[in-house]
PDB file of N, CA and C in Angstrom:
ATOM      1  N   MET A   1     -14.167  -8.552 -25.716  1.00  0.00           N
ATOM      2  CA  MET A   1     -13.271  -8.098 -26.767  1.00  0.00           C
ATOM      3  C   MET A   1     -14.116  -7.617 -27.936  1.00  0.00           C
ATOM      4  N   THR A   2     -13.734  -6.483 -28.495  1.00  0.00           N
ATOM      5  CA  THR A   2     -14.471  -5.952 -29.633  1.00  0.00           C
ATOM      6  C   THR A   2     -13.614  -5.982 -30.884  1.00  0.00           C
ATOM      7  N   ILE A   3     -14.237  -6.238 -32.001  1.00  0.00           N
ATOM      8  CA  ILE A   3     -13.531  -6.242 -33.274  1.00  0.00           C
ATOM      9  C   ILE A   3     -13.163  -4.798 -33.615  1.00  0.00           C
ATOM     10  N   GLY A   4     -11.915  -4.567 -33.954  1.00  0.00           N
ATOM     11  CA  GLY A   4     -11.471  -3.247 -34.350  1.00  0.00           C
ATOM     12  C   GLY A   4     -11.067  -2.346 -33.202  1.00  0.00           C
ATOM     13  N   GLY A   5     -11.305  -2.769 -31.990  1.00  0.00           N
ATOM     14  CA  GLY A   5     -10.901  -1.992 -30.825  1.00  0.00           C
ATOM     15  C   GLY A   5      -9.775  -2.700 -30.101  1.00  0.00           C
ATOM     16  N   PRO A   6      -9.406  -2.174 -28.965  1.00  0.00           N
ATOM     17  CA  PRO A   6      -8.359  -2.839 -28.193  1.00  0.00           C
ATOM     18  C   PRO A   6      -8.817  -4.207 -27.709  1.00  0.00           C
ATOM     19  N   VAL A   7      -7.880  -5.091 -27.501  1.00  0.00           N
ATOM     20  CA  VAL A   7      -8.198  -6.418 -26.983  1.00  0.00           C
ATOM     21  C   VAL A   7      -8.788  -6.279 -25.581  1.00  0.00           C
ATOM     22  N   ILE A   8      -8.139  -5.492 -24.752  1.00  0.00           N
ATOM     23  CA  ILE A   8      -8.602  -5.212 -23.400  1.00  0.00           C
ATOM     24  C   ILE A   8      -8.496  -3.707 -23.190  1.00  0.00           C
ATOM     25  N   PHE A   9      -9.614  -3.075 -22.885  1.00  0.00           N
ATOM     26  CA  PHE A   9      -9.607  -1.633 -22.687  1.00  0.00           C
ATOM     27  C   PHE A   9      -8.719  -1.257 -21.505  1.00  0.00           C
ATOM     28  N   GLY A  10      -7.940  -0.203 -21.681  1.00  0.00           N
ATOM     29  CA  GLY A  10      -7.078   0.300 -20.620  1.00  0.00           C
ATOM     30  C   GLY A  10      -5.712  -0.335 -20.566  1.00  0.00           C
ATOM     31  N   TRP A  11      -5.386  -1.188 -21.529  1.00  0.00           N
ATOM     32  CA  TRP A  11      -4.103  -1.898 -21.496  1.00  0.00           C
ATOM     33  C   TRP A  11      -2.921  -0.938 -21.380  1.00  0.00           C
ATOM     34  N   GLU A  12      -3.072   0.279 -21.897  1.00  0.00           N
ATOM     35  CA  GLU A  12      -1.962   1.245 -21.903  1.00  0.00           C
ATOM     36  C   GLU A  12      -1.560   1.663 -20.495  1.00  0.00           C
ATOM     37  N   THR A  13      -2.470   1.551 -19.554  1.00  0.00           N
ATOM     38  CA  THR A  13      -2.204   2.011 -18.191  1.00  0.00           C
ATOM     39  C   THR A  13      -1.827   0.881 -17.240  1.00  0.00           C
ATOM     40  N   PHE A  14      -1.843  -0.357 -17.711  1.00  0.00           N
ATOM     41  CA  PHE A  14      -1.597  -1.512 -16.850  1.00  0.00           C
ATOM     42  C   PHE A  14      -0.122  -1.691 -16.538  1.00  0.00           C
ATOM     43  N   SER A  15       0.151  -2.110 -15.306  1.00  0.00           N
ATOM     44  CA  SER A  15       1.465  -2.664 -14.990  1.00  0.00           C
ATOM     45  C   SER A  15       1.481  -4.063 -15.611  1.00  0.00           C
ATOM     46  N   GLU A  16       2.623  -4.707 -15.612  1.00  0.00           N
ATOM     47  CA  GLU A  16       2.677  -6.059 -16.179  1.00  0.00           C
ATOM     48  C   GLU A  16       1.773  -7.011 -15.406  1.00  0.00           C
ATOM     49  N   ASP A  17       1.771  -6.907 -14.084  1.00  0.00           N
ATOM     50  CA  ASP A  17       0.918  -7.789 -13.276  1.00  0.00           C
ATOM     51  C   ASP A  17      -0.563  -7.548 -13.560  1.00  0.00           C
ATOM     52  N   GLU A  18      -0.942  -6.279 -13.695  1.00  0.00           N
ATOM     53  CA  GLU A  18      -2.338  -5.958 -14.007  1.00  0.00           C
ATOM     54  C   GLU A  18      -2.718  -6.482 -15.391  1.00  0.00           C
ATOM     55  N   ALA A  19      -1.797  -6.380 -16.332  1.00  0.00           N
ATOM     56  CA  ALA A  19      -2.059  -6.870 -17.688  1.00  0.00           C
ATOM     57  C   ALA A  19      -2.263  -8.378 -17.686  1.00  0.00           C
ATOM     58  N   VAL A  20      -1.433  -9.097 -16.954  1.00  0.00           N
ATOM     59  CA  VAL A  20      -1.579 -10.551 -16.879  1.00  0.00           C
ATOM     60  C   VAL A  20      -2.924 -10.909 -16.254  1.00  0.00           C
ATOM     61  N   ASP A  21      -3.285 -10.230 -15.177  1.00  0.00           N
ATOM     62  CA  ASP A  21      -4.580 -10.494 -14.542  1.00  0.00           C
ATOM     63  C   ASP A  21      -5.742 -10.214 -15.494  1.00  0.00           C
ATOM     64  N   ALA A  22      -5.662  -9.123 -16.233  1.00  0.00           N
ATOM     65  CA  ALA A  22      -6.716  -8.782 -17.190  1.00  0.00           C
ATOM     66  C   ALA A  22      -6.791  -9.823 -18.307  1.00  0.00           C
ATOM     67  N   ALA A  23      -5.645 -10.301 -18.763  1.00  0.00           N
ATOM     68  CA  ALA A  23      -5.623 -11.330 -19.810  1.00  0.00           C
ATOM     69  C   ALA A  23      -6.261 -12.618 -19.320  1.00  0.00           C
ATOM     70  N   ILE A  24      -5.959 -12.997 -18.092  1.00  0.00           N
ATOM     71  CA  ILE A  24      -6.556 -14.211 -17.523  1.00  0.00           C
ATOM     72  C   ILE A  24      -8.063 -14.032 -17.373  1.00  0.00           C
ATOM     73  N   ASP A  25      -8.492 -12.852 -16.932  1.00  0.00           N
ATOM     74  CA  ASP A  25      -9.931 -12.588 -16.815  1.00  0.00           C
ATOM     75  C   ASP A  25     -10.628 -12.696 -18.172  1.00  0.00           C
ATOM     76  N   GLU A  26      -9.947 -12.247 -19.220  1.00  0.00           N
ATOM     77  CA  GLU A  26     -10.538 -12.251 -20.560  1.00  0.00           C
ATOM     78  C   GLU A  26     -10.546 -13.639 -21.193  1.00  0.00           C
ATOM     79  N   PHE A  27      -9.445 -14.392 -21.032  1.00  0.00           N
ATOM     80  CA  PHE A  27      -9.308 -15.660 -21.750  1.00  0.00           C
ATOM     81  C   PHE A  27      -9.332 -16.896 -20.875  1.00  0.00           C
ATOM     82  N   GLY A  28      -9.263 -16.724 -19.545  1.00  0.00           N
ATOM     83  CA  GLY A  28      -9.430 -17.848 -18.630  1.00  0.00           C
ATOM     84  C   GLY A  28      -8.417 -18.959 -18.759  1.00  0.00           C
ATOM     85  N   ARG A  29      -7.210 -18.636 -19.017  1.00  0.00           N
ATOM     86  CA  ARG A  29      -6.148 -19.626 -19.158  1.00  0.00           C
ATOM     87  C   ARG A  29      -5.019 -19.288 -18.205  1.00  0.00           C
ATOM     88  N   GLU A  30      -3.968 -20.051 -18.277  1.00  0.00           N
ATOM     89  CA  GLU A  30      -2.787 -19.727 -17.487  1.00  0.00           C
ATOM     90  C   GLU A  30      -2.135 -18.471 -18.061  1.00  0.00           C
ATOM     91  N   PRO A  31      -1.291 -17.793 -17.297  1.00  0.00           N
ATOM     92  CA  PRO A  31      -0.795 -16.468 -17.684  1.00  0.00           C
ATOM     93  C   PRO A  31      -0.161 -16.369 -19.074  1.00  0.00           C
ATOM     94  N   THR A  32       0.775 -17.224 -19.391  1.00  0.00           N
ATOM     95  CA  THR A  32       1.468 -17.110 -20.676  1.00  0.00           C
ATOM     96  C   THR A  32       0.510 -17.319 -21.842  1.00  0.00           C
ATOM     97  N   THR A  33      -0.374 -18.285 -21.728  1.00  0.00           N
ATOM     98  CA  THR A  33      -1.342 -18.551 -22.786  1.00  0.00           C
ATOM     99  C   THR A  33      -2.321 -17.390 -22.948  1.00  0.00           C
ATOM    100  N   SER A  34      -2.794 -16.843 -21.838  1.00  0.00           N
ATOM    101  CA  SER A  34      -3.733 -15.716 -21.895  1.00  0.00           C
ATOM    102  C   SER A  34      -3.117 -14.512 -22.578  1.00  0.00           C
ATOM    103  N   VAL A  35      -1.870 -14.202 -22.229  1.00  0.00           N
ATOM    104  CA  VAL A  35      -1.179 -13.067 -22.842  1.00  0.00           C
ATOM    105  C   VAL A  35      -0.926 -13.345 -24.327  1.00  0.00           C
ATOM    106  N   ALA A  36      -0.616 -14.589 -24.669  1.00  0.00           N
ATOM    107  CA  ALA A  36      -0.431 -14.948 -26.077  1.00  0.00           C
ATOM    108  C   ALA A  36      -1.719 -14.715 -26.864  1.00  0.00           C
ATOM    109  N   TYR A  37      -2.874 -15.069 -26.280  1.00  0.00           N
ATOM    110  CA  TYR A  37      -4.152 -14.809 -26.938  1.00  0.00           C
ATOM    111  C   TYR A  37      -4.366 -13.315 -27.161  1.00  0.00           C
ATOM    112  N   CYS A  38      -3.969 -12.500 -26.195  1.00  0.00           N
ATOM    113  CA  CYS A  38      -4.090 -11.049 -26.363  1.00  0.00           C
ATOM    114  C   CYS A  38      -3.230 -10.577 -27.531  1.00  0.00           C
ATOM    115  N   ALA A  39      -2.003 -11.079 -27.615  1.00  0.00           N
ATOM    116  CA  ALA A  39      -1.118 -10.702 -28.724  1.00  0.00           C
ATOM    117  C   ALA A  39      -1.716 -11.139 -30.055  1.00  0.00           C
ATOM    118  N   LEU A  40      -2.244 -12.350 -30.101  1.00  0.00           N
ATOM    119  CA  LEU A  40      -2.864 -12.827 -31.342  1.00  0.00           C
ATOM    120  C   LEU A  40      -4.066 -11.985 -31.724  1.00  0.00           C
ATOM    121  N   ALA A  41      -4.869 -11.611 -30.753  1.00  0.00           N
ATOM    122  CA  ALA A  41      -6.046 -10.799 -31.033  1.00  0.00           C
ATOM    123  C   ALA A  41      -5.672  -9.409 -31.533  1.00  0.00           C
ATOM    124  N   ALA A  42      -4.526  -8.906 -31.114  1.00  0.00           N
ATOM    125  CA  ALA A  42      -4.069  -7.579 -31.548  1.00  0.00           C
ATOM    126  C   ALA A  42      -3.185  -7.655 -32.787  1.00  0.00           C
ATOM    127  N   SER A  43      -2.936  -8.836 -33.307  1.00  0.00           N
ATOM    128  CA  SER A  43      -1.954  -9.016 -34.379  1.00  0.00           C
ATOM    129  C   SER A  43      -2.409  -8.532 -35.744  1.00  0.00           C
ATOM    130  N   ASP A  44      -3.666  -8.089 -35.881  1.00  0.00           N
ATOM    131  CA  ASP A  44      -4.087  -7.552 -37.178  1.00  0.00           C
ATOM    132  C   ASP A  44      -3.354  -6.248 -37.489  1.00  0.00           C
ATOM    133  N   ALA A  45      -2.783  -5.648 -36.485  1.00  0.00           N
ATOM    134  CA  ALA A  45      -1.989  -4.423 -36.665  1.00  0.00           C
ATOM    135  C   ALA A  45      -0.634  -4.644 -35.993  1.00  0.00           C
ATOM    136  N   ARG A  46       0.195  -5.453 -36.607  1.00  0.00           N
ATOM    137  CA  ARG A  46       1.446  -5.882 -35.975  1.00  0.00           C
ATOM    138  C   ARG A  46       2.397  -4.761 -35.621  1.00  0.00           C
ATOM    139  N   GLU A  47       2.216  -3.618 -36.189  1.00  0.00           N
ATOM    140  CA  GLU A  47       3.068  -2.494 -35.841  1.00  0.00           C
ATOM    141  C   GLU A  47       2.445  -1.636 -34.748  1.00  0.00           C
ATOM    142  N   SER A  48       1.292  -2.056 -34.244  1.00  0.00           N
ATOM    143  CA  SER A  48       0.606  -1.247 -33.238  1.00  0.00           C
ATOM    144  C   SER A  48       1.285  -1.378 -31.878  1.00  0.00           C
ATOM    145  N   ALA A  49       1.113  -0.352 -31.072  1.00  0.00           N
ATOM    146  CA  ALA A  49       1.667  -0.359 -29.725  1.00  0.00           C
ATOM    147  C   ALA A  49       1.022  -1.461 -28.883  1.00  0.00           C
ATOM    148  N   GLU A  50      -0.261  -1.712 -29.109  1.00  0.00           N
ATOM    149  CA  GLU A  50      -0.936  -2.762 -28.334  1.00  0.00           C
ATOM    150  C   GLU A  50      -0.349  -4.135 -28.639  1.00  0.00           C
ATOM    151  N   TYR A  51      -0.153  -4.433 -29.909  1.00  0.00           N
ATOM    152  CA  TYR A  51       0.441  -5.723 -30.272  1.00  0.00           C
ATOM    153  C   TYR A  51       1.814  -5.875 -29.633  1.00  0.00           C
ATOM    154  N   ARG A  52       2.647  -4.842 -29.738  1.00  0.00           N
ATOM    155  CA  ARG A  52       4.003  -4.902 -29.160  1.00  0.00           C
ATOM    156  C   ARG A  52       3.936  -5.118 -27.650  1.00  0.00           C
ATOM    157  N   PHE A  53       3.012  -4.436 -26.983  1.00  0.00           N
ATOM    158  CA  PHE A  53       2.855  -4.580 -25.537  1.00  0.00           C
ATOM    159  C   PHE A  53       2.583  -6.039 -25.172  1.00  0.00           C
ATOM    160  N   TRP A  54       1.559  -6.620 -25.795  1.00  0.00           N
ATOM    161  CA  TRP A  54       1.180  -7.995 -25.455  1.00  0.00           C
ATOM    162  C   TRP A  54       2.238  -9.000 -25.891  1.00  0.00           C
ATOM    163  N   PHE A  55       2.826  -8.806 -27.068  1.00  0.00           N
ATOM    164  CA  PHE A  55       3.845  -9.740 -27.553  1.00  0.00           C
ATOM    165  C   PHE A  55       5.088  -9.693 -26.678  1.00  0.00           C
ATOM    166  N   ASP A  56       5.531  -8.493 -26.312  1.00  0.00           N
ATOM    167  CA  ASP A  56       6.706  -8.373 -25.447  1.00  0.00           C
ATOM    168  C   ASP A  56       6.449  -8.991 -24.074  1.00  0.00           C
ATOM    169  N   LEU A  57       5.247  -8.796 -23.550  1.00  0.00           N
ATOM    170  CA  LEU A  57       4.902  -9.413 -22.268  1.00  0.00           C
ATOM    171  C   LEU A  57       4.866 -10.927 -22.401  1.00  0.00           C
ATOM    172  N   PHE A  58       4.335 -11.425 -23.509  1.00  0.00           N
ATOM    173  CA  PHE A  58       4.348 -12.869 -23.752  1.00  0.00           C
ATOM    174  C   PHE A  58       5.778 -13.409 -23.759  1.00  0.00           C
ATOM    175  N   LEU A  59       6.676 -12.739 -24.473  1.00  0.00           N
ATOM    176  CA  LEU A  59       8.066 -13.198 -24.526  1.00  0.00           C
ATOM    177  C   LEU A  59       8.702 -13.219 -23.140  1.00  0.00           C
ATOM    178  N   LYS A  60       8.420 -12.203 -22.351  1.00  0.00           N
ATOM    179  CA  LYS A  60       8.965 -12.136 -20.992  1.00  0.00           C
ATOM    180  C   LYS A  60       8.442 -13.294 -20.140  1.00  0.00           C
ATOM    181  N   LEU A  61       7.147 -13.560 -20.204  1.00  0.00           N
ATOM    182  CA  LEU A  61       6.573 -14.666 -19.438  1.00  0.00           C
ATOM    183  C   LEU A  61       7.100 -16.014 -19.916  1.00  0.00           C
ATOM    184  N   ASP A  62       7.219 -16.164 -21.225  1.00  0.00           N
ATOM    185  CA  ASP A  62       7.714 -17.423 -21.783  1.00  0.00           C
ATOM    186  C   ASP A  62       9.167 -17.672 -21.368  1.00  0.00           C
ATOM    187  N   LYS A  63       9.960 -16.635 -21.405  1.00  0.00           N
ATOM    188  CA  LYS A  63      11.359 -16.771 -20.992  1.00  0.00           C
ATOM    189  C   LYS A  63      11.461 -17.114 -19.512  1.00  0.00           C
ATOM    190  N   ALA A  64      10.644 -16.478 -18.689  1.00  0.00           N
ATOM    191  CA  ALA A  64      10.658 -16.731 -17.252  1.00  0.00           C
ATOM    192  C   ALA A  64      10.254 -18.167 -16.939  1.00  0.00           C
ATOM    193  N   SER A  65       9.366 -18.738 -17.741  1.00  0.00           N
ATOM    194  CA  SER A  65       8.921 -20.112 -17.494  1.00  0.00           C
ATOM    195  C   SER A  65      10.004 -21.133 -17.816  1.00  0.00           C
ATOM    196  N   HIS A  66      11.055 -20.710 -18.567  1.00  0.00           N
ATOM    197  CA  HIS A  66      12.125 -21.637 -18.930  1.00  0.00           C
ATOM    198  C   HIS A  66      13.376 -21.457 -18.100  1.00  0.00           C
ATOM    199  N   VAL A  67      13.371 -20.520 -17.165  1.00  0.00           N
ATOM    200  CA  VAL A  67      14.543 -20.307 -16.326  1.00  0.00           C
ATOM    201  C   VAL A  67      14.811 -21.563 -15.530  1.00  0.00           C
ATOM    202  N   GLY A  68      16.034 -22.014 -15.551  1.00  0.00           N
ATOM    203  CA  GLY A  68      16.401 -23.213 -14.840  1.00  0.00           C
ATOM    204  C   GLY A  68      16.153 -24.494 -15.621  1.00  0.00           C
ATOM    205  N   TRP A  69      15.559 -24.357 -16.786  1.00  0.00           N
ATOM    206  CA  TRP A  69      15.280 -25.517 -17.621  1.00  0.00           C
ATOM    207  C   TRP A  69      16.323 -25.589 -18.721  1.00  0.00           C
ATOM    208  N   ALA A  70      16.907 -26.740 -18.878  1.00  0.00           N
ATOM    209  CA  ALA A  70      17.925 -26.879 -19.924  1.00  0.00           C
ATOM    210  C   ALA A  70      17.813 -28.213 -20.607  1.00  0.00           C
TER     211      ALA A  70
END
């Protein structure tokens, strides 16, 4: 990861599955946590497309992890 650049190069071309795999490769955690780290790393520009991409993917993964849980 580089300061001032994208969290993960090529994120714009990733499918959701590819993005999750790239996040895990970068941060070495479980999927939701890895994607959350990507969103946090991109959060210096909260209106950026990269931040929205990672944050929206995080929300989707987080919601999926709670399906069936009440």
